[in-house]
């Protein structure tokens, strides 16, 4: 998960997402500062939360009506063709009506309670060394090889 994926969408998706910024002021009087603030909070701040892969204690995967970071992860990682899960951006209303919620919880809280995500298990995992990515030489070599 990366918080930067919230803005990595197709141009048509960005256009549709930004359409309320155009349409709302045309239909009714709107405080433009509040409109842009609301837009930023609801789409970008909440979108960063959905993509960062962290679960709050007060807003965990067992929340009954708000889609959380876990639900968004499940939407991408566990959905299969013709069986999407957690397709609502903010709330679970349509997911519950359509039956597209997960029956079995696989969140980190439940996994820790089962002993599946212990520090010992994490230490056994081989982790790649990403430190070369921090060096400008690494990136310059990549560009010169392609050139």
Protein backbone atom coordinates (compact mmCIF):
# COMPACT_ATOMS: atom_id res chain seq x y z
CA UNK A 1 0.00 0.00 0.00
CA UNK A 2 1.14 3.49 -0.79
CA UNK A 3 -0.59 6.77 0.06
CA UNK A 4 0.45 8.11 -3.37
CA UNK A 5 -1.87 5.73 -5.24
CA UNK A 6 -4.86 7.84 -4.31
CA UNK A 7 -4.07 10.23 -7.18
CA UNK A 8 -2.86 7.60 -9.69
CA UNK A 9 -5.97 7.25 -11.80
CA UNK A 10 -6.97 7.47 -15.41
CA UNK A 11 -7.80 10.94 -16.79
CA UNK A 12 -11.51 10.09 -17.14
CA UNK A 13 -11.64 8.96 -13.49
CA UNK A 14 -10.02 12.21 -12.40
CA UNK A 15 -12.49 14.19 -14.53
CA UNK A 16 -15.53 12.42 -13.06
CA UNK A 17 -14.16 12.77 -9.55
CA UNK A 18 -13.62 16.52 -10.04
CA UNK A 19 -16.99 17.09 -11.77
CA UNK A 20 -18.77 18.19 -8.55
CA UNK A 21 -16.34 21.12 -8.34
CA UNK A 22 -17.86 22.36 -11.59
CA UNK A 23 -21.49 21.26 -11.27
CA UNK A 24 -22.32 22.21 -7.67
CA UNK A 25 -21.57 25.93 -8.10
CA UNK A 26 -23.63 25.97 -11.32
CA UNK A 27 -26.72 24.57 -9.57
CA UNK A 28 -26.68 26.28 -6.17
CA UNK A 29 -24.73 28.94 -4.30
CA UNK A 30 -21.64 27.40 -2.72
CA UNK A 31 -18.79 28.71 -0.63
CA UNK A 32 -15.89 27.80 -2.91
CA UNK A 33 -13.39 27.57 -0.05
CA UNK A 34 -15.58 25.03 1.72
CA UNK A 35 -16.17 23.11 -1.50
CA UNK A 36 -12.45 22.71 -2.21
CA UNK A 37 -11.71 21.88 1.44
CA UNK A 38 -14.42 19.25 1.52
CA UNK A 39 -13.20 17.83 -1.79
CA UNK A 40 -9.63 17.63 -0.48
CA UNK A 41 -10.62 16.02 2.79
CA UNK A 42 -13.07 13.49 1.38
CA UNK A 43 -11.11 12.41 -1.66
CA UNK A 44 -7.46 12.95 -0.86
CA UNK A 45 -7.13 12.75 2.92
CA UNK A 46 -9.53 9.81 3.15
CA UNK A 47 -7.95 8.29 0.04
CA UNK A 48 -4.49 8.46 1.64
CA UNK A 49 -5.90 6.72 4.71
CA UNK A 50 -7.37 3.95 2.52
CA UNK A 51 -4.03 3.36 0.79
CA UNK A 52 -1.55 3.56 3.65
CA UNK A 53 -2.37 0.10 5.00
CA UNK A 54 -2.78 1.09 8.66
CA UNK A 55 -5.83 0.25 10.75
CA UNK A 56 -6.96 2.57 13.52
CA UNK A 57 -8.25 1.00 16.72
CA UNK A 58 -11.39 3.14 16.57
CA UNK A 59 -11.91 2.49 12.84
CA UNK A 60 -10.85 -1.11 12.38
CA UNK A 61 -12.00 -3.76 9.91
CA UNK A 62 -15.03 -4.60 12.04
CA UNK A 63 -16.65 -1.20 11.59
CA UNK A 64 -20.24 -1.81 10.58
CA UNK A 65 -20.75 0.95 8.00
CA UNK A 66 -17.50 2.76 7.10
CA UNK A 67 -15.07 1.23 4.60
CA UNK A 68 -11.66 1.16 6.23
CA UNK A 69 -8.11 0.69 5.06
CA UNK A 70 -8.57 -3.08 5.44
CA UNK A 71 -11.70 -3.06 3.28
CA UNK A 72 -9.87 -1.18 0.56
CA UNK A 73 -7.00 -3.67 0.74
CA UNK A 74 -9.51 -6.53 0.48
CA UNK A 75 -11.13 -4.79 -2.50
CA UNK A 76 -7.86 -4.96 -4.45
CA UNK A 77 -6.22 -8.10 -3.05
CA UNK A 78 -9.14 -10.48 -2.55
CA UNK A 79 -11.66 -9.52 -5.22
CA UNK A 80 -11.85 -11.83 -8.20
CA UNK A 81 -13.50 -11.58 -11.59
CA UNK A 82 -17.28 -11.35 -11.22
CA UNK A 83 -17.01 -11.24 -7.40
CA UNK A 84 -15.82 -7.81 -6.25
CA UNK A 85 -15.58 -7.02 -2.55
CA UNK A 86 -16.00 -3.66 -0.81
CA UNK A 87 -16.58 -1.49 -3.84
CA UNK A 88 -17.99 1.50 -1.95
CA UNK A 89 -15.53 4.34 -1.39
CA UNK A 90 -16.84 5.61 1.96
CA UNK A 91 -19.65 3.47 3.27
CA UNK A 92 -20.68 -0.18 3.09
CA UNK A 93 -24.35 0.37 2.30
CA UNK A 94 -24.18 -0.81 -1.33
CA UNK A 95 -21.79 -3.62 -0.43
CA UNK A 96 -24.24 -4.95 2.14
CA UNK A 97 -27.19 -4.65 -0.27
CA UNK A 98 -25.25 -6.38 -3.06
CA UNK A 99 -23.68 -9.00 -0.80
CA UNK A 100 -20.14 -7.95 -1.68
CA UNK A 101 -18.65 -7.95 1.83
CA UNK A 102 -16.18 -10.54 3.03
CA UNK A 103 -17.60 -13.22 5.28
CA UNK A 104 -14.29 -14.22 6.88
CA UNK A 105 -12.22 -11.44 8.42
CA UNK A 106 -8.50 -11.50 7.62
CA UNK A 107 -7.56 -8.21 9.27
CA UNK A 108 -4.41 -7.76 11.32
CA UNK A 109 -6.37 -7.55 14.59
CA UNK A 110 -7.97 -10.98 14.07
CA UNK A 111 -4.69 -12.43 12.81
CA UNK A 112 -2.84 -11.21 15.92
CA UNK A 113 -5.52 -12.75 18.13
CA UNK A 114 -4.94 -16.08 16.36
CA UNK A 115 -1.16 -15.70 16.80
CA UNK A 116 -0.56 -15.44 13.04
CA UNK A 117 1.21 -12.06 13.07
CA UNK A 118 3.73 -12.30 15.85
CA UNK A 119 7.04 -10.48 15.90
CA UNK A 120 8.78 -13.85 15.68
CA UNK A 121 6.94 -14.71 12.44
CA UNK A 122 7.79 -11.27 11.01
CA UNK A 123 11.49 -11.68 11.82
CA UNK A 124 11.58 -14.98 9.87
CA UNK A 125 10.52 -13.24 6.66
CA UNK A 126 13.36 -12.43 4.26
CA UNK A 127 13.17 -8.72 3.55
CA UNK A 128 14.71 -7.16 0.42
CA UNK A 129 17.37 -4.48 0.80
CA UNK A 130 15.95 -1.30 -0.72
CA UNK A 131 18.85 0.92 0.36
CA UNK A 132 20.34 1.07 -3.19
CA UNK A 133 17.20 2.92 -4.27
CA UNK A 134 18.26 5.84 -2.06
CA UNK A 135 21.43 6.38 -4.08
CA UNK A 136 21.35 8.73 -7.09
CA UNK A 137 24.00 6.52 -8.73
CA UNK A 138 21.52 3.65 -8.88
CA UNK A 139 19.04 5.75 -10.86
CA UNK A 140 21.68 7.30 -13.11
CA UNK A 141 22.98 3.85 -14.02
CA UNK A 142 19.46 2.77 -14.96
CA UNK A 143 19.04 5.77 -17.26
CA UNK A 144 22.46 5.35 -18.90
CA UNK A 145 21.81 1.64 -19.60
CA UNK A 146 18.61 2.48 -21.47
CA UNK A 147 20.18 5.37 -23.37
